[in-house]
Amino acid sequence: MRVSWSASARADVRGIRRYIAQDSPFYAQQFCERLIATVEKLVEHPRLGRLVPEAEGVGVEVRELVFRDYRILYLVTDEPIQILAVIHGARDLLGLERKPWE
């Protein structure tokens, strides 16, 4: 199984890295490497994460992994697994104008 990152998910990770790098470029690099390593587990175990409660009933299987304070939302399909977004856990998914799975 392959993992593919959406443009918005890649932008999310870049934004997180920039934010952390304001205090520590080294820690920003380490954080993002570990986040990506967490996602790579999906290659062998695509249903590792839990179903996203906010996406219940949307007709697709949206799951999430949690890494530190971030929710990594992904869509399970035949191939590849699509990383939809990396969102801070304090954000209200239902309050977003456009949901990551839309």
PDB file of N, CA and C in Angstrom:
ATOM      1  N   MET A   1       0.852  -1.173   0.000  1.00  0.00           N
ATOM      2  CA  MET A   1       0.000   0.000   0.000  1.00  0.00           C
ATOM      3  C   MET A   1       0.900   1.240   0.000  1.00  0.00           C
ATOM      4  N   ARG A   2       0.497   2.242  -0.752  1.00  0.00           N
ATOM      5  CA  ARG A   2       1.238   3.512  -0.807  1.00  0.00           C
ATOM      6  C   ARG A   2       0.497   4.580  -0.022  1.00  0.00           C
ATOM      7  N   VAL A   3       1.239   5.623   0.339  1.00  0.00           N
ATOM      8  CA  VAL A   3       0.664   6.791   1.002  1.00  0.00           C
ATOM      9  C   VAL A   3       0.902   7.994   0.105  1.00  0.00           C
ATOM     10  N   SER A   4      -0.138   8.766  -0.117  1.00  0.00           N
ATOM     11  CA  SER A   4      -0.044   9.977  -0.927  1.00  0.00           C
ATOM     12  C   SER A   4      -0.519  11.159  -0.085  1.00  0.00           C
ATOM     13  N   TRP A   5       0.227  12.252  -0.132  1.00  0.00           N
ATOM     14  CA  TRP A   5      -0.108  13.453   0.633  1.00  0.00           C
ATOM     15  C   TRP A   5      -0.811  14.454  -0.274  1.00  0.00           C
ATOM     16  N   SER A   6      -1.951  14.959   0.169  1.00  0.00           N
ATOM     17  CA  SER A   6      -2.629  16.019  -0.586  1.00  0.00           C
ATOM     18  C   SER A   6      -1.810  17.300  -0.476  1.00  0.00           C
ATOM     19  N   ALA A   7      -2.050  18.222  -1.386  1.00  0.00           N
ATOM     20  CA  ALA A   7      -1.338  19.503  -1.355  1.00  0.00           C
ATOM     21  C   ALA A   7      -1.609  20.235  -0.047  1.00  0.00           C
ATOM     22  N   SER A   8      -2.836  20.166   0.439  1.00  0.00           N
ATOM     23  CA  SER A   8      -3.154  20.870   1.685  1.00  0.00           C
ATOM     24  C   SER A   8      -2.473  20.214   2.885  1.00  0.00           C
ATOM     25  N   ALA A   9      -2.346  18.898   2.899  1.00  0.00           N
ATOM     26  CA  ALA A   9      -1.650  18.217   4.001  1.00  0.00           C
ATOM     27  C   ALA A   9      -0.164  18.570   3.992  1.00  0.00           C
ATOM     28  N   ARG A  10       0.430  18.631   2.803  1.00  0.00           N
ATOM     29  CA  ARG A  10       1.842  19.041   2.710  1.00  0.00           C
ATOM     30  C   ARG A  10       2.003  20.473   3.222  1.00  0.00           C
ATOM     31  N   ALA A  11       1.060  21.338   2.862  1.00  0.00           N
ATOM     32  CA  ALA A  11       1.106  22.724   3.333  1.00  0.00           C
ATOM     33  C   ALA A  11       0.937  22.791   4.853  1.00  0.00           C
ATOM     34  N   ASP A  12       0.093  21.929   5.408  1.00  0.00           N
ATOM     35  CA  ASP A  12      -0.083  21.886   6.857  1.00  0.00           C
ATOM     36  C   ASP A  12       1.246  21.571   7.550  1.00  0.00           C
ATOM     37  N   VAL A  13       1.958  20.572   7.040  1.00  0.00           N
ATOM     38  CA  VAL A  13       3.228  20.168   7.651  1.00  0.00           C
ATOM     39  C   VAL A  13       4.263  21.283   7.509  1.00  0.00           C
ATOM     40  N   ARG A  14       4.304  21.925   6.353  1.00  0.00           N
ATOM     41  CA  ARG A  14       5.239  23.051   6.178  1.00  0.00           C
ATOM     42  C   ARG A  14       4.936  24.172   7.166  1.00  0.00           C
ATOM     43  N   GLY A  15       3.657  24.454   7.378  1.00  0.00           N
ATOM     44  CA  GLY A  15       3.263  25.493   8.320  1.00  0.00           C
ATOM     45  C   GLY A  15       3.647  25.143   9.754  1.00  0.00           C
ATOM     46  N   ILE A  16       3.442  23.897  10.124  1.00  0.00           N
ATOM     47  CA  ILE A  16       3.832  23.441  11.461  1.00  0.00           C
ATOM     48  C   ILE A  16       5.341  23.574  11.630  1.00  0.00           C
ATOM     49  N   ARG A  17       6.060  23.163  10.608  1.00  0.00           N
ATOM     50  CA  ARG A  17       7.525  23.241  10.677  1.00  0.00           C
ATOM     51  C   ARG A  17       7.991  24.700  10.822  1.00  0.00           C
ATOM     52  N   ARG A  18       7.422  25.597  10.031  1.00  0.00           N
ATOM     53  CA  ARG A  18       7.790  27.016  10.130  1.00  0.00           C
ATOM     54  C   ARG A  18       7.502  27.567  11.522  1.00  0.00           C
ATOM     55  N   TYR A  19       6.356  27.205  12.061  1.00  0.00           N
ATOM     56  CA  TYR A  19       5.963  27.703  13.376  1.00  0.00           C
ATOM     57  C   TYR A  19       6.944  27.231  14.451  1.00  0.00           C
ATOM     58  N   ILE A  20       7.254  25.933  14.463  1.00  0.00           N
ATOM     59  CA  ILE A  20       8.167  25.398  15.469  1.00  0.00           C
ATOM     60  C   ILE A  20       9.573  25.949  15.264  1.00  0.00           C
ATOM     61  N   ALA A  21       9.977  26.137  14.021  1.00  0.00           N
ATOM     62  CA  ALA A  21      11.326  26.615  13.700  1.00  0.00           C
ATOM     63  C   ALA A  21      11.578  28.029  14.203  1.00  0.00           C
ATOM     64  N   GLN A  22      10.530  28.781  14.489  1.00  0.00           N
ATOM     65  CA  GLN A  22      10.722  30.118  15.054  1.00  0.00           C
ATOM     66  C   GLN A  22      11.489  30.038  16.370  1.00  0.00           C
ATOM     67  N   ASP A  23      11.272  28.967  17.117  1.00  0.00           N
ATOM     68  CA  ASP A  23      11.974  28.757  18.382  1.00  0.00           C
ATOM     69  C   ASP A  23      13.157  27.816  18.236  1.00  0.00           C
ATOM     70  N   SER A  24      13.000  26.778  17.402  1.00  0.00           N
ATOM     71  CA  SER A  24      14.060  25.781  17.293  1.00  0.00           C
ATOM     72  C   SER A  24      14.000  25.074  15.937  1.00  0.00           C
ATOM     73  N   PRO A  25      14.867  25.457  15.005  1.00  0.00           N
ATOM     74  CA  PRO A  25      14.915  24.753  13.718  1.00  0.00           C
ATOM     75  C   PRO A  25      15.201  23.255  13.883  1.00  0.00           C
ATOM     76  N   PHE A  26      16.049  22.926  14.838  1.00  0.00           N
ATOM     77  CA  PHE A  26      16.377  21.515  15.074  1.00  0.00           C
ATOM     78  C   PHE A  26      15.136  20.742  15.502  1.00  0.00           C
ATOM     79  N   TYR A  27      14.405  21.274  16.480  1.00  0.00           N
ATOM     80  CA  TYR A  27      13.207  20.600  16.968  1.00  0.00           C
ATOM     81  C   TYR A  27      12.144  20.520  15.870  1.00  0.00           C
ATOM     82  N   ALA A  28      12.039  21.542  15.049  1.00  0.00           N
ATOM     83  CA  ALA A  28      11.073  21.530  13.940  1.00  0.00           C
ATOM     84  C   ALA A  28      11.372  20.369  12.996  1.00  0.00           C
ATOM     85  N   GLN A  29      12.641  20.180  12.676  1.00  0.00           N
ATOM     86  CA  GLN A  29      13.056  19.079  11.801  1.00  0.00           C
ATOM     87  C   GLN A  29      12.722  17.730  12.441  1.00  0.00           C
ATOM     88  N   GLN A  30      13.070  17.566  13.704  1.00  0.00           N
ATOM     89  CA  GLN A  30      12.802  16.316  14.412  1.00  0.00           C
ATOM     90  C   GLN A  30      11.303  16.028  14.493  1.00  0.00           C
ATOM     91  N   PHE A  31      10.525  17.046  14.810  1.00  0.00           N
ATOM     92  CA  PHE A  31       9.079  16.892  14.934  1.00  0.00           C
ATOM     93  C   PHE A  31       8.482  16.395  13.620  1.00  0.00           C
ATOM     94  N   CYS A  32       8.837  17.040  12.523  1.00  0.00           N
ATOM     95  CA  CYS A  32       8.268  16.672  11.223  1.00  0.00           C
ATOM     96  C   CYS A  32       8.731  15.291  10.771  1.00  0.00           C
ATOM     97  N   GLU A  33       9.967  14.945  11.049  1.00  0.00           N
ATOM     98  CA  GLU A  33      10.445  13.598  10.702  1.00  0.00           C
ATOM     99  C   GLU A  33       9.656  12.540  11.466  1.00  0.00           C
ATOM    100  N   ARG A  34       9.390  12.791  12.724  1.00  0.00           N
ATOM    101  CA  ARG A  34       8.623  11.824  13.529  1.00  0.00           C
ATOM    102  C   ARG A  34       7.165  11.765  13.087  1.00  0.00           C
ATOM    103  N   LEU A  35       6.604  12.897  12.717  1.00  0.00           N
ATOM    104  CA  LEU A  35       5.232  12.916  12.212  1.00  0.00           C
ATOM    105  C   LEU A  35       5.140  12.072  10.937  1.00  0.00           C
ATOM    106  N   ILE A  36       6.086  12.268  10.038  1.00  0.00           N
ATOM    107  CA  ILE A  36       6.090  11.504   8.781  1.00  0.00           C
ATOM    108  C   ILE A  36       6.309  10.025   9.048  1.00  0.00           C
ATOM    109  N   ALA A  37       7.172   9.689  10.004  1.00  0.00           N
ATOM    110  CA  ALA A  37       7.394   8.283  10.364  1.00  0.00           C
ATOM    111  C   ALA A  37       6.107   7.654  10.906  1.00  0.00           C
ATOM    112  N   THR A  38       5.330   8.422  11.632  1.00  0.00           N
ATOM    113  CA  THR A  38       4.048   7.932  12.131  1.00  0.00           C
ATOM    114  C   THR A  38       3.120   7.596  10.965  1.00  0.00           C
ATOM    115  N   VAL A  39       3.093   8.465   9.976  1.00  0.00           N
ATOM    116  CA  VAL A  39       2.247   8.239   8.797  1.00  0.00           C
ATOM    117  C   VAL A  39       2.709   7.010   8.018  1.00  0.00           C
ATOM    118  N   GLU A  40       3.999   6.781   7.951  1.00  0.00           N
ATOM    119  CA  GLU A  40       4.527   5.651   7.184  1.00  0.00           C
ATOM    120  C   GLU A  40       4.058   4.302   7.734  1.00  0.00           C
ATOM    121  N   LYS A  41       3.622   4.253   8.979  1.00  0.00           N
ATOM    122  CA  LYS A  41       3.078   3.010   9.550  1.00  0.00           C
ATOM    123  C   LYS A  41       1.839   2.550   8.784  1.00  0.00           C
ATOM    124  N   LEU A  42       1.182   3.504   8.122  1.00  0.00           N
ATOM    125  CA  LEU A  42      -0.038   3.169   7.374  1.00  0.00           C
ATOM    126  C   LEU A  42       0.243   2.272   6.175  1.00  0.00           C
ATOM    127  N   VAL A  43       1.472   2.267   5.695  1.00  0.00           N
ATOM    128  CA  VAL A  43       1.821   1.413   4.557  1.00  0.00           C
ATOM    129  C   VAL A  43       1.498  -0.044   4.878  1.00  0.00           C
ATOM    130  N   GLU A  44       1.845  -0.474   6.077  1.00  0.00           N
ATOM    131  CA  GLU A  44       1.590  -1.861   6.500  1.00  0.00           C
ATOM    132  C   GLU A  44       0.243  -2.036   7.201  1.00  0.00           C
ATOM    133  N   HIS A  45      -0.267  -0.963   7.812  1.00  0.00           N
ATOM    134  CA  HIS A  45      -1.496  -1.056   8.613  1.00  0.00           C
ATOM    135  C   HIS A  45      -2.424   0.118   8.287  1.00  0.00           C
ATOM    136  N   PRO A  46      -3.095   0.087   7.144  1.00  0.00           N
ATOM    137  CA  PRO A  46      -3.898   1.237   6.708  1.00  0.00           C
ATOM    138  C   PRO A  46      -5.065   1.604   7.626  1.00  0.00           C
ATOM    139  N   ARG A  47      -5.541   0.681   8.395  1.00  0.00           N
ATOM    140  CA  ARG A  47      -6.668   0.979   9.283  1.00  0.00           C
ATOM    141  C   ARG A  47      -6.212   1.121  10.735  1.00  0.00           C
ATOM    142  N   LEU A  48      -4.965   1.511  10.907  1.00  0.00           N
ATOM    143  CA  LEU A  48      -4.378   1.686  12.230  1.00  0.00           C
ATOM    144  C   LEU A  48      -5.105   2.754  13.038  1.00  0.00           C
ATOM    145  N   GLY A  49      -5.460   3.841  12.413  1.00  0.00           N
ATOM    146  CA  GLY A  49      -6.112   4.943  13.108  1.00  0.00           C
ATOM    147  C   GLY A  49      -7.595   4.701  13.332  1.00  0.00           C
ATOM    148  N   ARG A  50      -8.149   5.509  14.222  1.00  0.00           N
ATOM    149  CA  ARG A  50      -9.584   5.385  14.507  1.00  0.00           C
ATOM    150  C   ARG A  50     -10.394   6.128  13.449  1.00  0.00           C
ATOM    151  N   LEU A  51     -11.663   5.769  13.328  1.00  0.00           N
ATOM    152  CA  LEU A  51     -12.579   6.502  12.457  1.00  0.00           C
ATOM    153  C   LEU A  51     -12.792   7.894  13.027  1.00  0.00           C
ATOM    154  N   VAL A  52     -12.829   8.894  12.160  1.00  0.00           N
ATOM    155  CA  VAL A  52     -13.027  10.278  12.594  1.00  0.00           C
ATOM    156  C   VAL A  52     -14.510  10.474  12.891  1.00  0.00           C
ATOM    157  N   PRO A  53     -14.863  10.752  14.155  1.00  0.00           N
ATOM    158  CA  PRO A  53     -16.288  10.886  14.504  1.00  0.00           C
ATOM    159  C   PRO A  53     -16.997  11.990  13.726  1.00  0.00           C
ATOM    160  N   GLU A  54     -16.297  13.080  13.445  1.00  0.00           N
ATOM    161  CA  GLU A  54     -16.919  14.197  12.719  1.00  0.00           C
ATOM    162  C   GLU A  54     -17.246  13.845  11.266  1.00  0.00           C
ATOM    163  N   ALA A  55     -16.627  12.782  10.745  1.00  0.00           N
ATOM    164  CA  ALA A  55     -16.852  12.389   9.350  1.00  0.00           C
ATOM    165  C   ALA A  55     -17.806  11.202   9.226  1.00  0.00           C
ATOM    166  N   GLU A  56     -18.425  10.832  10.319  1.00  0.00           N
ATOM    167  CA  GLU A  56     -19.347   9.706  10.293  1.00  0.00           C
ATOM    168  C   GLU A  56     -20.498   9.980   9.338  1.00  0.00           C
ATOM    169  N   GLY A  57     -20.790   9.015   8.488  1.00  0.00           N
ATOM    170  CA  GLY A  57     -21.915   9.129   7.572  1.00  0.00           C
ATOM    171  C   GLY A  57     -21.637   9.890   6.291  1.00  0.00           C
ATOM    172  N   VAL A  58     -20.360  10.214   6.002  1.00  0.00           N
ATOM    173  CA  VAL A  58     -20.066  10.966   4.777  1.00  0.00           C
ATOM    174  C   VAL A  58     -19.871  10.058   3.562  1.00  0.00           C
ATOM    175  N   GLY A  59     -19.884   8.740   3.787  1.00  0.00           N
ATOM    176  CA  GLY A  59     -19.802   7.816   2.658  1.00  0.00           C
ATOM    177  C   GLY A  59     -18.400   7.374   2.292  1.00  0.00           C
ATOM    178  N   VAL A  60     -17.390   7.862   3.000  1.00  0.00           N
ATOM    179  CA  VAL A  60     -16.015   7.417   2.786  1.00  0.00           C
ATOM    180  C   VAL A  60     -15.405   7.102   4.147  1.00  0.00           C
ATOM    181  N   GLU A  61     -14.353   6.310   4.132  1.00  0.00           N
ATOM    182  CA  GLU A  61     -13.707   5.900   5.380  1.00  0.00           C
ATOM    183  C   GLU A  61     -12.591   6.886   5.737  1.00  0.00           C
ATOM    184  N   VAL A  62     -12.932   7.864   6.552  1.00  0.00           N
ATOM    185  CA  VAL A  62     -11.959   8.854   7.005  1.00  0.00           C
ATOM    186  C   VAL A  62     -11.471   8.414   8.384  1.00  0.00           C
ATOM    187  N   ARG A  63     -10.155   8.264   8.501  1.00  0.00           N
ATOM    188  CA  ARG A  63      -9.538   7.835   9.751  1.00  0.00           C
ATOM    189  C   ARG A  63      -8.514   8.869  10.180  1.00  0.00           C
ATOM    190  N   GLU A  64      -8.009   8.694  11.404  1.00  0.00           N
ATOM    191  CA  GLU A  64      -6.994   9.623  11.887  1.00  0.00           C
ATOM    192  C   GLU A  64      -5.979   8.915  12.766  1.00  0.00           C
ATOM    193  N   LEU A  65      -4.759   9.409  12.670  1.00  0.00           N
ATOM    194  CA  LEU A  65      -3.708   9.078  13.614  1.00  0.00           C
ATOM    195  C   LEU A  65      -3.493  10.320  14.456  1.00  0.00           C
ATOM    196  N   VAL A  66      -3.117  10.128  15.690  1.00  0.00           N
ATOM    197  CA  VAL A  66      -2.796  11.269  16.551  1.00  0.00           C
ATOM    198  C   VAL A  66      -1.297  11.244  16.796  1.00  0.00           C
ATOM    199  N   PHE A  67      -0.661  12.389  16.513  1.00  0.00           N
ATOM    200  CA  PHE A  67       0.761  12.557  16.793  1.00  0.00           C
ATOM    201  C   PHE A  67       0.909  13.828  17.615  1.00  0.00           C
ATOM    202  N   ARG A  68       1.343  13.646  18.846  1.00  0.00           N
ATOM    203  CA  ARG A  68       1.443  14.751  19.801  1.00  0.00           C
ATOM    204  C   ARG A  68       0.092  15.458  19.863  1.00  0.00           C
ATOM    205  N   ASP A  69       0.032  16.731  19.541  1.00  0.00           N
ATOM    206  CA  ASP A  69      -1.229  17.474  19.612  1.00  0.00           C
ATOM    207  C   ASP A  69      -1.940  17.568  18.266  1.00  0.00           C
ATOM    208  N   TYR A  70      -1.513  16.794  17.285  1.00  0.00           N
ATOM    209  CA  TYR A  70      -2.054  16.920  15.926  1.00  0.00           C
ATOM    210  C   TYR A  70      -2.829  15.679  15.508  1.00  0.00           C
ATOM    211  N   ARG A  71      -3.870  15.930  14.743  1.00  0.00           N
ATOM    212  CA  ARG A  71      -4.673  14.871  14.137  1.00  0.00           C
ATOM    213  C   ARG A  71      -4.268  14.773  12.670  1.00  0.00           C
ATOM    214  N   ILE A  72      -3.867  13.596  12.253  1.00  0.00           N
ATOM    215  CA  ILE A  72      -3.490  13.345  10.864  1.00  0.00           C
ATOM    216  C   ILE A  72      -4.672  12.618  10.233  1.00  0.00           C
ATOM    217  N   LEU A  73      -5.434  13.331   9.419  1.00  0.00           N
ATOM    218  CA  LEU A  73      -6.624  12.756   8.807  1.00  0.00           C
ATOM    219  C   LEU A  73      -6.270  12.116   7.478  1.00  0.00           C
ATOM    220  N   TYR A  74      -6.804  10.914   7.255  1.00  0.00           N
ATOM    221  CA  TYR A  74      -6.524  10.226   6.002  1.00  0.00           C
ATOM    222  C   TYR A  74      -7.730   9.441   5.524  1.00  0.00           C
ATOM    223  N   LEU A  75      -7.718   9.189   4.241  1.00  0.00           N
ATOM    224  CA  LEU A  75      -8.803   8.494   3.563  1.00  0.00           C
ATOM    225  C   LEU A  75      -8.283   7.128   3.130  1.00  0.00           C
ATOM    226  N   VAL A  76      -8.991   6.081   3.535  1.00  0.00           N
ATOM    227  CA  VAL A  76      -8.609   4.736   3.148  1.00  0.00           C
ATOM    228  C   VAL A  76      -9.338   4.381   1.860  1.00  0.00           C
ATOM    229  N   THR A  77      -8.559   4.126   0.830  1.00  0.00           N
ATOM    230  CA  THR A  77      -9.089   3.667  -0.456  1.00  0.00           C
ATOM    231  C   THR A  77      -8.290   2.437  -0.854  1.00  0.00           C
ATOM    232  N   ASP A  78      -8.590   1.879  -2.009  1.00  0.00           N
ATOM    233  CA  ASP A  78      -7.833   0.711  -2.465  1.00  0.00           C
ATOM    234  C   ASP A  78      -6.354   1.040  -2.597  1.00  0.00           C
ATOM    235  N   GLU A  79      -6.029   2.150  -3.200  1.00  0.00           N
ATOM    236  CA  GLU A  79      -4.629   2.555  -3.386  1.00  0.00           C
ATOM    237  C   GLU A  79      -4.615   3.959  -3.943  1.00  0.00           C
ATOM    238  N   PRO A  80      -3.893   4.872  -3.517  1.00  0.00           N
ATOM    239  CA  PRO A  80      -3.116   4.873  -2.276  1.00  0.00           C
ATOM    240  C   PRO A  80      -3.946   5.392  -1.118  1.00  0.00           C
ATOM    241  N   ILE A  81      -3.380   5.335   0.077  1.00  0.00           N
ATOM    242  CA  ILE A  81      -3.970   6.003   1.235  1.00  0.00           C
ATOM    243  C   ILE A  81      -3.716   7.482   1.023  1.00  0.00           C
ATOM    244  N   GLN A  82      -4.726   8.303   1.188  1.00  0.00           N
ATOM    245  CA  GLN A  82      -4.603   9.742   0.931  1.00  0.00           C
ATOM    246  C   GLN A  82      -4.580  10.503   2.254  1.00  0.00           C
ATOM    247  N   ILE A  83      -3.456  11.166   2.544  1.00  0.00           N
ATOM    248  CA  ILE A  83      -3.378  12.023   3.724  1.00  0.00           C
ATOM    249  C   ILE A  83      -4.097  13.319   3.370  1.00  0.00           C
ATOM    250  N   LEU A  84      -5.135  13.638   4.125  1.00  0.00           N
ATOM    251  CA  LEU A  84      -5.988  14.784   3.815  1.00  0.00           C
ATOM    252  C   LEU A  84      -5.549  16.065   4.503  1.00  0.00           C
ATOM    253  N   ALA A  85      -5.156  15.953   5.770  1.00  0.00           N
ATOM    254  CA  ALA A  85      -4.831  17.156   6.546  1.00  0.00           C
ATOM    255  C   ALA A  85      -4.085  16.772   7.814  1.00  0.00           C
ATOM    256  N   VAL A  86      -3.340  17.735   8.326  1.00  0.00           N
ATOM    257  CA  VAL A  86      -2.696  17.616   9.635  1.00  0.00           C
ATOM    258  C   VAL A  86      -3.180  18.838  10.414  1.00  0.00           C
ATOM    259  N   ILE A  87      -4.030  18.587  11.398  1.00  0.00           N
ATOM    260  CA  ILE A  87      -4.747  19.658  12.084  1.00  0.00           C
ATOM    261  C   ILE A  87      -4.496  19.579  13.586  1.00  0.00           C
ATOM    262  N   HIS A  88      -4.282  20.718  14.193  1.00  0.00           N
ATOM    263  CA  HIS A  88      -4.100  20.742  15.641  1.00  0.00           C
ATOM    264  C   HIS A  88      -5.362  20.205  16.309  1.00  0.00           C
ATOM    265  N   GLY A  89      -5.174  19.402  17.331  1.00  0.00           N
ATOM    266  CA  GLY A  89      -6.290  18.754  18.008  1.00  0.00           C
ATOM    267  C   GLY A  89      -7.286  19.702  18.652  1.00  0.00           C
ATOM    268  N   ALA A  90      -6.869  20.940  18.922  1.00  0.00           N
ATOM    269  CA  ALA A  90      -7.780  21.903  19.543  1.00  0.00           C
ATOM    270  C   ALA A  90      -8.751  22.532  18.541  1.00  0.00           C
ATOM    271  N   ARG A  91      -8.477  22.355  17.257  1.00  0.00           N
ATOM    272  CA  ARG A  91      -9.362  22.956  16.249  1.00  0.00           C
ATOM    273  C   ARG A  91     -10.653  22.167  16.128  1.00  0.00           C
ATOM    274  N   ASP A  92     -11.715  22.876  15.849  1.00  0.00           N
ATOM    275  CA  ASP A  92     -13.037  22.284  15.684  1.00  0.00           C
ATOM    276  C   ASP A  92     -13.228  21.902  14.216  1.00  0.00           C
ATOM    277  N   LEU A  93     -13.174  20.612  13.914  1.00  0.00           N
ATOM    278  CA  LEU A  93     -13.330  20.162  12.527  1.00  0.00           C
ATOM    279  C   LEU A  93     -14.676  20.551  11.946  1.00  0.00           C
ATOM    280  N   LEU A  94     -15.722  20.437  12.737  1.00  0.00           N
ATOM    281  CA  LEU A  94     -17.050  20.753  12.221  1.00  0.00           C
ATOM    282  C   LEU A  94     -17.218  22.245  11.974  1.00  0.00           C
ATOM    283  N   GLY A  95     -16.404  23.058  12.626  1.00  0.00           N
ATOM    284  CA  GLY A  95     -16.478  24.496  12.433  1.00  0.00           C
ATOM    285  C   GLY A  95     -15.706  24.998  11.224  1.00  0.00           C
ATOM    286  N   LEU A  96     -14.925  24.115  10.590  1.00  0.00           N
ATOM    287  CA  LEU A  96     -14.172  24.518   9.401  1.00  0.00           C
ATOM    288  C   LEU A  96     -15.124  24.779   8.241  1.00  0.00           C
ATOM    289  N   GLU A  97     -14.837  25.806   7.474  1.00  0.00           N
ATOM    290  CA  GLU A  97     -15.668  26.137   6.320  1.00  0.00           C
ATOM    291  C   GLU A  97     -15.689  24.978   5.316  1.00  0.00           C
ATOM    292  N   ARG A  98     -14.509  24.416   5.069  1.00  0.00           N
ATOM    293  CA  ARG A  98     -14.404  23.278   4.148  1.00  0.00           C
ATOM    294  C   ARG A  98     -13.763  22.135   4.921  1.00  0.00           C
ATOM    295  N   LYS A  99     -14.464  21.024   5.007  1.00  0.00           N
ATOM    296  CA  LYS A  99     -13.960  19.865   5.728  1.00  0.00           C
ATOM    297  C   LYS A  99     -12.867  19.188   4.896  1.00  0.00           C
ATOM    298  N   PRO A 100     -11.846  18.628   5.533  1.00  0.00           N
ATOM    299  CA  PRO A 100     -10.745  17.998   4.795  1.00  0.00           C
ATOM    300  C   PRO A 100     -11.184  16.864   3.872  1.00  0.00           C
ATOM    301  N   TRP A 101     -12.273  16.203   4.162  1.00  0.00           N
ATOM    302  CA  TRP A 101     -12.713  15.062   3.364  1.00  0.00           C
ATOM    303  C   TRP A 101     -13.651  15.462   2.234  1.00  0.00           C
ATOM    304  N   GLU A 102     -13.957  16.746   2.125  1.00  0.00           N
ATOM    305  CA  GLU A 102     -14.868  17.184   1.043  1.00  0.00           C
ATOM    306  C   GLU A 102     -14.104  17.429  -0.240  1.00  0.00           C
TER     307      GLU A 102
END
